[in-house]
Protein backbone atom coordinates (compact mmCIF):
# COMPACT_ATOMS: atom_id res chain seq x y z
CA MET A 1 104.05 117.14 93.87
CA GLY A 2 107.13 116.45 91.39
CA MET A 3 110.23 118.39 90.23
CA LYS A 4 109.84 122.29 88.76
CA CYS A 5 111.89 122.51 86.12
CA SER A 6 112.64 125.57 82.91
CA ARG A 7 111.47 122.93 80.89
CA PRO A 8 109.05 119.81 80.43
CA SER A 9 110.53 116.68 82.15
CA TYR A 10 109.01 113.43 83.94
CA THR A 11 108.92 112.29 86.87
CA LEU A 12 108.01 109.02 88.18
CA PHE A 13 105.18 108.86 90.76
CA VAL A 14 105.00 105.67 93.21
CA PRO A 15 102.04 104.14 94.49
CA SER A 16 101.42 104.64 98.34
CA CYS A 17 102.06 101.37 100.17
CA ARG A 18 98.33 100.96 100.26
CA THR A 19 99.43 100.67 97.92
CA LYS A 20 99.11 100.43 96.52
CA ARG A 21 99.05 100.58 93.81
CA VAL A 22 101.47 100.83 90.88
CA PHE A 23 103.04 104.17 89.54
CA PHE A 24 101.84 106.59 86.55
CA TRP A 25 103.62 109.12 84.64
CA ARG A 26 102.92 112.61 85.13
CA LYS A 27 104.23 115.76 83.54
CA THR A 28 105.80 118.73 85.04
CA GLU A 29 105.91 122.27 83.52
CA SER A 30 107.19 125.88 84.26
CA ARG A 31 105.20 127.81 86.22
CA GLU A 32 103.69 129.42 82.64
CA GLU A 33 103.16 126.00 82.03
CA GLN A 34 101.44 125.22 84.89
CA VAL A 35 99.18 128.74 84.55
CA MET A 36 98.08 127.62 81.14
CA ASN A 37 97.07 124.21 82.29
CA GLU A 38 95.40 125.07 84.85
CA ASN A 39 93.45 126.95 82.25
CA GLN A 40 92.88 123.80 79.99
CA LYS A 41 89.21 123.00 79.50
CA ILE A 42 87.83 120.12 81.38
CA VAL A 43 86.87 117.63 79.36
CA LEU A 44 84.05 116.30 81.91
CA ASP A 45 83.86 118.08 85.48
CA VAL A 46 83.11 115.77 88.35
CA GLU A 47 78.99 116.01 88.24
CA GLU A 48 79.12 115.62 84.37
CA ARG A 49 77.24 112.42 82.49
CA PRO A 50 78.81 111.22 79.13
CA ASN A 51 76.76 109.81 76.48
CA PRO A 52 76.70 105.96 76.62
CA GLY A 53 79.37 105.38 74.23
CA LYS A 54 81.92 107.39 75.74
CA TRP A 55 80.68 106.31 79.13
CA LEU A 56 81.55 102.68 78.58
CA THR A 57 84.97 103.39 76.97
CA LEU A 58 85.80 105.72 79.64
CA SER A 59 84.96 103.38 82.22
CA ILE A 60 86.91 100.24 80.54
CA GLN A 61 90.10 102.73 80.48
CA HIS A 62 89.59 102.70 84.71
CA LEU A 63 89.03 99.67 84.65
CA PHE A 64 92.24 98.18 83.09
CA ALA A 65 94.31 101.00 85.01
CA MET A 66 93.33 99.51 88.40
CA PHE A 67 93.05 95.69 87.32
CA GLY A 68 96.67 94.41 86.96
CA ALA A 69 96.99 95.70 91.05
CA THR A 70 94.13 94.53 92.41
CA VAL A 71 93.92 91.11 90.89
CA LEU A 72 97.79 91.10 92.19
CA VAL A 73 96.96 91.18 96.30
CA PRO A 74 94.39 88.31 96.36
CA PHE A 75 96.60 86.20 93.96
CA LEU A 76 99.74 86.91 96.42
CA VAL A 77 97.61 86.58 99.64
CA GLY A 78 95.28 83.47 98.40
CA LEU A 79 92.00 85.07 98.18
CA SER A 80 89.59 85.09 95.05
CA PRO A 81 90.57 87.54 92.71
CA GLY A 82 86.74 87.76 91.42
CA VAL A 83 85.63 88.62 95.09
CA ALA A 84 88.92 91.06 95.18
CA LEU A 85 87.09 92.78 91.93
CA ILE A 86 83.53 92.80 93.27
CA SER A 87 84.60 94.26 96.15
CA SER A 88 86.61 97.00 94.96
CA GLY A 89 83.67 97.71 92.67
CA LEU A 90 81.01 97.86 95.56
CA GLY A 91 83.73 99.56 97.76
CA THR A 92 84.05 102.17 94.98
CA LEU A 93 80.22 102.82 94.84
CA ALA A 94 79.96 102.88 98.90
CA TYR A 95 82.63 105.96 98.61
CA LEU A 96 81.29 107.82 95.63
CA ILE A 97 77.83 107.58 98.22
CA ILE A 98 79.66 108.57 101.26
CA THR A 99 81.83 111.38 99.76
CA ARG A 100 78.42 112.82 97.94
CA GLY A 101 79.36 112.16 94.51
CA ARG A 102 82.19 114.61 94.79
CA ILE A 103 85.55 112.73 94.96
CA PRO A 104 85.92 110.58 91.32
CA ALA A 105 88.42 107.98 93.12
CA TYR A 106 88.71 104.40 92.22
CA LEU A 107 89.26 101.89 95.33
CA GLY A 108 91.27 98.80 94.81
CA SER A 109 93.21 96.03 96.70
CA SER A 110 95.55 97.77 99.37
CA PHE A 111 99.43 96.19 99.11
CA ALA A 112 99.80 97.54 102.66
CA PHE A 113 97.86 94.88 104.21
CA ILE A 114 99.40 91.93 102.05
CA ALA A 115 101.80 90.79 105.37
CA PRO A 116 99.53 91.32 108.04
CA ILE A 117 96.71 89.05 106.14
CA LEU A 118 99.41 86.59 105.68
CA ALA A 119 99.93 86.43 109.13
CA ALA A 120 96.63 86.12 110.19
CA LYS A 121 96.00 83.33 107.81
CA SER A 122 98.87 81.74 109.54
CA PHE A 123 97.45 81.65 112.72
CA GLY A 124 93.78 81.65 112.17
CA GLY A 125 93.07 81.10 108.72
CA PRO A 126 91.38 83.11 106.17
CA GLN A 127 88.46 84.33 108.91
CA ALA A 128 91.41 85.73 111.29
CA ALA A 129 92.32 87.67 108.35
CA MET A 130 89.16 89.01 107.62
CA MET A 131 88.14 90.01 111.07
CA GLY A 132 90.97 91.84 111.02
CA SER A 133 90.43 93.42 107.76
CA PHE A 134 86.44 94.50 109.28
CA LEU A 135 88.73 95.73 112.15
CA ALA A 136 90.93 98.35 109.86
CA GLY A 137 87.71 99.72 108.58
CA ILE A 138 86.40 100.28 111.95
CA VAL A 139 89.36 102.11 112.77
CA TYR A 140 89.21 104.02 109.73
CA GLY A 141 85.83 105.09 110.77
CA ILE A 142 86.58 106.44 114.35
CA VAL A 143 89.69 108.41 112.66
CA ALA A 144 87.09 110.06 110.29
CA LEU A 145 85.02 110.98 113.07
CA LEU A 146 87.96 111.90 115.36
CA ILE A 147 88.86 114.26 112.49
CA SER A 148 85.58 115.85 111.96
CA LYS A 149 85.41 116.84 115.61
CA LEU A 150 88.73 117.58 116.60
CA GLY A 151 90.70 118.02 112.83
CA LEU A 152 93.82 117.01 111.62
CA LYS A 153 96.41 118.23 114.25
CA TRP A 154 96.67 115.21 116.74
CA LEU A 155 96.85 112.60 113.55
CA VAL A 156 99.85 115.09 112.81
CA ARG A 157 101.25 114.56 115.76
CA ILE A 158 100.92 110.99 115.99
CA LEU A 159 101.99 110.26 112.25
CA PRO A 160 104.71 112.65 111.17
CA PRO A 161 106.59 112.02 107.74
CA ILE A 162 110.02 110.73 110.10
CA VAL A 163 107.32 107.70 111.25
CA VAL A 164 104.92 107.11 108.04
CA GLY A 165 108.10 107.08 105.85
CA PRO A 166 110.29 104.45 107.27
CA VAL A 167 107.03 102.37 108.14
CA ILE A 168 106.14 102.35 104.37
CA MET A 169 109.83 101.60 103.86
CA VAL A 170 109.52 98.18 106.00
CA ILE A 171 105.95 97.57 104.39
CA GLY A 172 108.10 97.06 100.69
CA LEU A 173 111.32 95.80 102.06
CA GLY A 174 109.29 93.48 104.55
CA LEU A 175 107.64 91.73 101.03
CA ALA A 176 110.98 91.66 98.97
CA GLY A 177 111.03 88.15 100.20
CA THR A 178 108.28 87.10 99.19
CA ALA A 179 108.79 88.41 95.48
CA VAL A 180 111.82 86.74 94.78
CA ASN A 181 110.35 83.42 96.22
CA MET A 182 107.49 83.64 93.81
CA ALA A 183 110.50 84.57 90.89
CA MET A 184 113.16 81.58 91.94
CA TYR A 185 111.15 78.86 92.74
CA GLU A 186 108.72 76.21 91.13
CA ASN A 187 106.13 76.27 94.13
CA PRO A 188 106.87 79.22 96.61
CA GLY A 189 104.59 77.92 98.76
CA ALA A 190 106.20 74.44 99.20
CA GLU A 191 107.69 73.17 102.62
CA ASN A 192 111.13 72.51 100.60
CA LEU A 193 111.72 75.06 97.73
CA VAL A 194 112.91 74.13 94.03
CA TYR A 195 114.80 76.50 92.13
CA SER A 196 114.01 76.85 88.43
CA ASN A 197 115.99 78.85 86.08
CA THR A 198 112.94 78.49 83.89
CA HIS A 199 110.78 80.63 86.43
CA PHE A 200 113.35 83.08 86.90
CA MET A 201 113.70 83.67 83.40
CA VAL A 202 110.20 84.23 83.05
CA ALA A 203 109.98 86.62 86.14
CA LEU A 204 113.05 88.63 84.86
CA ALA A 205 111.48 89.14 81.13
CA THR A 206 108.03 90.23 83.06
CA LEU A 207 110.20 92.55 85.08
CA ALA A 208 111.93 94.24 81.90
CA ILE A 209 108.45 94.56 79.67
CA THR A 210 107.21 95.95 83.14
CA ILE A 211 109.72 98.72 83.14
CA ILE A 212 109.89 98.98 79.32
CA CYS A 213 106.22 99.98 79.46
CA SER A 214 106.47 102.38 82.29
CA ILE A 215 110.02 104.28 81.18
CA TYR A 216 109.53 104.58 77.15
CA PHE A 217 105.99 103.89 76.52
CA LYS A 218 102.82 107.05 76.93
CA GLY A 219 98.95 106.70 76.30
CA PHE A 220 97.58 103.58 77.52
CA LEU A 221 100.70 101.44 77.75
CA GLY A 222 102.46 104.01 80.30
CA MET A 223 99.20 104.22 82.16
CA VAL A 224 99.24 100.52 82.61
CA PRO A 225 102.63 99.10 83.46
CA ILE A 226 101.72 96.44 85.99
CA LEU A 227 99.23 94.99 83.17
CA ALA A 228 100.96 95.37 80.27
CA GLY A 229 103.73 93.14 82.36
CA ILE A 230 101.34 90.43 83.40
CA VAL A 231 100.06 90.14 80.19
CA GLY A 232 103.37 90.05 78.04
CA GLY A 233 104.92 87.91 81.07
CA TYR A 234 102.00 85.21 80.82
CA ILE A 235 102.13 85.01 76.79
CA ILE A 236 106.22 84.14 77.17
CA ALA A 237 105.10 81.67 80.17
CA VAL A 238 102.71 80.09 77.67
CA PHE A 239 106.07 79.40 75.42
CA ALA A 240 107.98 78.56 78.17
CA GLY A 241 105.26 75.70 79.07
CA LEU A 242 104.13 76.77 82.79
CA VAL A 243 100.52 77.78 81.87
CA ASP A 244 97.98 75.17 82.58
CA PHE A 245 94.82 76.03 80.19
CA GLN A 246 92.48 73.23 81.63
CA LYS A 247 90.49 75.08 84.45
CA VAL A 248 90.26 77.89 82.22
CA ILE A 249 88.80 75.46 79.78
CA GLU A 250 86.26 74.07 82.16
CA ALA A 251 85.32 77.06 84.01
CA PRO A 252 81.72 78.18 83.08
CA ILE A 253 81.35 81.57 81.42
CA LEU A 254 79.23 82.74 84.42
CA GLN A 255 79.65 81.50 87.50
CA MET A 256 79.37 82.34 91.39
CA PRO A 257 82.53 83.72 93.16
CA ASP A 258 84.20 81.85 96.18
CA PHE A 259 82.61 84.57 98.53
CA PHE A 260 83.89 84.07 102.17
CA ILE A 261 80.69 85.45 104.59
CA PRO A 262 80.58 85.88 108.17
CA PHE A 263 77.88 83.39 109.93
CA VAL A 264 77.49 81.45 106.93
CA ASP A 265 81.41 79.98 106.05
CA TYR A 266 82.76 80.68 109.10
CA THR A 267 81.80 82.01 112.71
CA PRO A 268 83.64 85.75 113.42
CA SER A 269 85.83 85.51 116.71
CA PHE A 270 87.74 88.45 118.28
CA SER A 271 91.22 88.35 118.63
CA TRP A 272 93.61 90.94 120.47
CA GLU A 273 96.52 89.29 118.12
CA ILE A 274 94.44 90.24 115.19
CA VAL A 275 93.89 93.80 116.22
CA SER A 276 98.13 94.07 116.88
CA ILE A 277 98.70 92.69 113.64
CA MET A 278 95.88 94.70 111.44
CA VAL A 279 95.44 97.90 113.93
CA PRO A 280 98.79 99.77 113.15
CA VAL A 281 98.73 98.58 109.43
CA ALA A 282 95.43 101.25 109.32
CA LEU A 283 96.85 104.05 111.31
CA VAL A 284 99.70 104.44 108.54
CA THR A 285 98.11 104.02 105.58
CA LEU A 286 95.73 106.99 106.76
CA ALA A 287 98.37 108.96 106.22
CA GLU A 288 98.74 107.91 102.63
CA HIS A 289 94.87 108.11 102.06
CA THR A 290 95.50 112.07 103.29
CA GLY A 291 98.22 112.35 100.33
CA ASP A 292 96.29 110.81 97.58
CA GLN A 293 93.60 113.39 98.42
CA MET A 294 95.93 115.99 98.20
CA VAL A 295 97.23 114.84 94.80
CA LEU A 296 93.87 114.27 93.40
CA SER A 297 92.82 117.81 94.80
CA LYS A 298 95.66 119.47 92.62
CA VAL A 299 94.73 117.42 89.44
CA VAL A 300 90.72 118.10 89.54
CA GLY A 301 91.31 121.47 90.89
CA ARG A 302 89.27 121.33 93.83
CA ASN A 303 90.21 120.91 97.78
CA PHE A 304 88.85 117.62 98.71
CA ILE A 305 90.53 117.68 102.15
CA GLU A 306 87.79 120.53 102.99
CA LYS A 307 85.00 119.70 100.91
CA PRO A 308 83.31 117.27 100.82
CA GLY A 309 86.01 116.68 103.75
CA LEU A 310 88.65 114.58 104.84
CA HIS A 311 86.65 112.95 107.19
CA ARG A 312 84.15 111.60 104.50
CA SER A 313 86.94 110.50 102.05
CA ILE A 314 88.35 108.24 105.31
CA LEU A 315 85.12 107.03 105.88
CA GLY A 316 84.66 106.02 102.61
CA ASP A 317 87.86 104.11 102.61
CA GLY A 318 86.79 102.29 105.83
CA VAL A 319 82.98 101.65 104.59
CA ALA A 320 84.72 100.11 101.52
CA THR A 321 87.21 97.63 103.52
CA VAL A 322 84.27 96.54 105.45
CA ILE A 323 82.48 95.29 102.54
CA ALA A 324 85.50 93.55 101.04
CA SER A 325 85.92 92.04 104.58
CA LEU A 326 82.12 90.50 104.60
CA ILE A 327 82.52 88.89 101.29
CA GLY A 328 86.14 87.33 101.56
CA GLY A 329 87.92 90.04 99.85
CA PRO A 330 91.45 92.27 100.61
CA PRO A 331 91.11 95.69 102.03
CA ASN A 332 90.38 98.00 99.86
CA THR A 333 92.13 102.08 99.23
CA THR A 334 91.95 104.55 96.91
CA TYR A 335 94.31 103.91 93.82
CA GLY A 336 96.89 106.22 92.26
CA GLU A 337 96.48 104.49 88.81
CA ASN A 338 93.30 106.13 88.22
CA ILE A 339 94.59 109.20 89.48
CA GLY A 340 96.94 109.27 86.55
CA VAL A 341 93.85 108.38 84.15
CA LEU A 342 92.16 111.58 85.63
CA ALA A 343 95.24 113.53 85.16
CA ILE A 344 95.97 111.79 81.57
CA THR A 345 92.29 112.55 79.96
CA ARG A 346 90.85 115.30 81.96
CA VAL A 347 87.55 113.46 82.26
CA PHE A 348 86.72 113.90 86.20
CA SER A 349 83.41 112.51 86.15
CA VAL A 350 82.17 110.20 89.11
CA PHE A 351 79.89 108.63 86.36
CA VAL A 352 82.85 107.26 84.40
CA ILE A 353 84.12 106.13 88.10
CA ALA A 354 81.06 104.43 89.00
CA GLY A 355 80.73 102.74 85.67
CA ALA A 356 84.37 101.10 86.01
CA ALA A 357 83.17 100.00 89.44
CA VAL A 358 79.85 98.41 87.74
CA LEU A 359 81.96 96.60 84.87
CA ALA A 360 84.68 95.31 87.77
CA ILE A 361 81.60 93.51 89.73
CA THR A 362 80.03 92.07 86.34
CA PHE A 363 83.70 90.77 85.44
CA GLY A 364 84.10 89.13 89.03
CA PHE A 365 81.13 86.83 88.37
CA ILE A 366 82.54 85.77 84.89
CA GLY A 367 84.37 82.33 85.15
CA LYS A 368 86.38 82.18 82.39
CA ILE A 369 88.08 85.62 83.41
CA THR A 370 88.63 84.36 87.16
CA ALA A 371 89.97 80.73 85.73
CA LEU A 372 92.49 82.80 83.81
CA ILE A 373 93.52 85.06 86.34
CA GLY A 374 94.23 81.97 88.34
CA SER A 375 96.20 80.12 85.82
CA ILE A 376 99.12 83.21 85.90
CA PRO A 377 102.07 81.52 87.10
CA SER A 378 103.49 82.41 90.47
CA ALA A 379 106.77 83.30 88.28
CA VAL A 380 104.81 86.63 86.44
CA MET A 381 103.35 87.81 89.56
CA GLY A 382 107.22 87.67 90.78
CA GLY A 383 108.61 89.57 88.44
CA VAL A 384 105.70 92.64 88.81
CA SER A 385 106.11 91.99 92.44
CA ILE A 386 110.13 92.72 92.54
CA LEU A 387 109.56 96.04 90.65
CA LEU A 388 105.84 96.88 92.94
CA PHE A 389 107.33 96.11 96.20
CA GLY A 390 110.68 98.03 95.41
CA ILE A 391 108.60 101.00 94.66
CA ILE A 392 106.61 100.84 97.74
CA ALA A 393 109.94 101.02 99.66
CA SER A 394 110.96 103.97 97.74
CA SER A 395 107.92 105.99 98.07
CA GLY A 396 108.64 105.84 101.94
CA LEU A 397 112.03 107.23 101.15
CA ARG A 398 110.37 109.82 99.12
CA MET A 399 108.15 110.99 101.68
CA LEU A 400 111.00 111.73 103.69
CA ILE A 401 112.87 113.72 100.89
CA ASP A 402 109.50 115.58 99.78
CA ASN A 403 109.05 116.82 103.33
CA LYS A 404 112.97 117.95 103.91
CA VAL A 405 113.09 115.32 106.81
CA ASP A 406 116.78 115.63 107.72
CA LEU A 407 118.53 112.62 108.61
CA GLY A 408 121.38 114.41 109.95
CA ASN A 409 119.93 115.15 113.09
CA LYS A 410 120.37 112.48 115.26
CA ARG A 411 116.23 112.66 116.79
CA ASN A 412 115.55 111.93 112.97
CA LEU A 413 118.23 109.03 112.52
CA VAL A 414 117.18 107.32 115.62
CA ILE A 415 113.69 107.01 115.00
CA SER A 416 114.17 106.06 111.31
CA SER A 417 117.12 103.57 112.08
CA VAL A 418 114.74 101.86 115.15
CA ILE A 419 111.39 101.37 112.84
CA LEU A 420 113.86 100.10 109.91
CA VAL A 421 115.67 97.39 112.21
CA ILE A 422 112.91 96.15 114.08
CA GLY A 423 110.41 96.30 110.98
CA VAL A 424 112.80 94.64 108.74
CA GLY A 425 114.61 92.36 111.45
CA GLY A 426 111.08 90.58 112.36
CA ALA A 427 111.44 91.47 115.92
CA PHE A 428 108.29 90.18 117.99
CA VAL A 429 107.09 91.00 121.54
CA LYS A 430 105.07 88.38 122.54
CA VAL A 431 102.39 90.05 125.47
CA SER A 432 100.63 86.90 125.82
CA ASP A 433 100.16 83.27 124.34
CA GLU A 434 97.76 85.29 122.37
CA ILE A 435 99.00 88.69 122.01
CA SER A 436 102.26 89.66 119.69
CA LEU A 437 103.45 92.34 118.23
CA SER A 438 105.52 91.96 115.37
CA GLY A 439 107.16 93.21 112.40
CA MET A 440 105.49 96.05 110.88
CA ALA A 441 102.85 96.63 113.63
CA LEU A 442 106.05 96.48 116.07
CA ALA A 443 107.82 99.10 114.16
CA ALA A 444 105.18 101.61 113.47
CA ILE A 445 104.27 101.66 117.42
CA VAL A 446 107.79 101.94 118.56
CA GLY A 447 107.65 104.67 115.67
CA VAL A 448 105.22 106.47 117.30
CA VAL A 449 106.28 106.10 121.11
CA LEU A 450 109.51 107.42 119.92
CA ASN A 451 108.37 110.37 118.33
CA LEU A 452 106.10 110.99 121.09
CA VAL A 453 109.06 110.91 123.44
CA LEU A 454 111.95 112.33 121.95
CA PRO A 455 112.83 115.95 123.14
CA GLY A 456 113.01 118.15 119.60
CA ARG A 457 110.48 117.37 117.88
CA GLU A 458 108.98 120.50 116.54
CA GLU A 459 112.86 121.60 114.85
CA SER A 460 113.43 118.13 113.50
CA GLU A 461 110.50 117.34 111.87
CA GLY A 462 110.94 119.10 108.21
CA ASN A 463 108.17 120.62 106.80
CA ASN A 464 105.51 118.06 107.52
CA ASN A 465 103.07 119.17 105.13
CA LEU A 466 101.74 115.28 105.07
CA PHE A 467 98.60 116.53 106.13
CA GLU A 468 98.79 120.22 105.37
CA GLU A 469 95.15 121.69 104.56
CA GLU A 470 94.93 123.85 102.19
CA HIS A 471 92.83 126.78 100.76
CA SER A 472 89.41 126.24 98.40
CA SER A 473 90.03 126.12 95.16
CA LYS A 474 88.07 128.91 93.24
CA ASN A 475 86.57 125.79 90.98
CA GLU A 476 84.77 124.42 94.39
CA VAL A 477 80.99 123.99 94.11
CA ALA A 478 79.10 124.19 97.22
């Protein structure tokens, strides 16, 4: 990925909507430099275990890389940040076990599910959101089984770039109003919104810090611009009088997080409306998951699509999401930020990733940290979200460009246009009193149907290398 050029440059990588997830910088080189870098000495390979001191330091680095985005998602949807940290840690450990310790990937909160979780909570409360997350995880498992038996061609036909790209754009643009409201109003969740210059200035300052760190800084700050923006914005908010430390002072050092467990805190109930909201999102994030695995394969120098196999990595994502739904956390997905850490440090050890997961679980039980996260003003999160949600939308556009999808082709123009207007416009179809398709879910389904029924698919879809299976790397181990 990235642009090829005759001299070193820096390319801005955007997160997947699972997104995910924030961006990172990755150096792009000429062919000669690429060959030289491929032969660089790996600091720690996938199966290697570091000494205890280095292990802790490297794991903390991964923890900070994922921290800002992972706690932002529960903050936006009204879930517990502490539970989100614990679910990300447990999900990552489960992922490492399912992939047989061969893929050094960290899993954190998925941005793609923000709007569906909010929609589910609006009609059925948090229990509906958890049931939807559980069903999304089951979908991952079903797709993993089909891929293991049938390969990838069927998924290529259903989810080409001309469908996935615009849907990702819908995810980002659909959240734009949420980011702006958080930035501009004293209480963005109130029935009567009250505009505040102070809140908006804090949001813009947070946005500026995030942009500066991502563009001008290298090293640690360049890897964690979202976290740097939140910390910088928080300090500004303190001086602006927007932070209340009372809950932080009163919080115990250790405390049990606000777990939300089925058959203990609520009785799960199945609803087709939940299915209509969550399942289409899971189909889209599957495409992004594959893209992440390709990037990770190139960074590490092993073909993870073939070994341990895409079906195992998808199953790992699904199990992580199911675990999160069983304790009250948001769905999980592999994180681009941590892939950036791997690329920069060339430390590919799964033991380091596992160490970060254990640290995340530990942080989730520290009451002071949970209370501190809860004290972050909405203006600060709004400032970060303005950039983050915009990047999610831009990543959909980038998918179209990278796959050379020709929007001059009438077929492609029709599909992308319909997806964008239906998704951003908030169109919905009421199937019954209990079942309705709306927003992104409806846009994704319409896009899939149009792609299947309109003529000229093979001539118009571009490179369509979204699910391209690469040959095994010479560095691959049995």
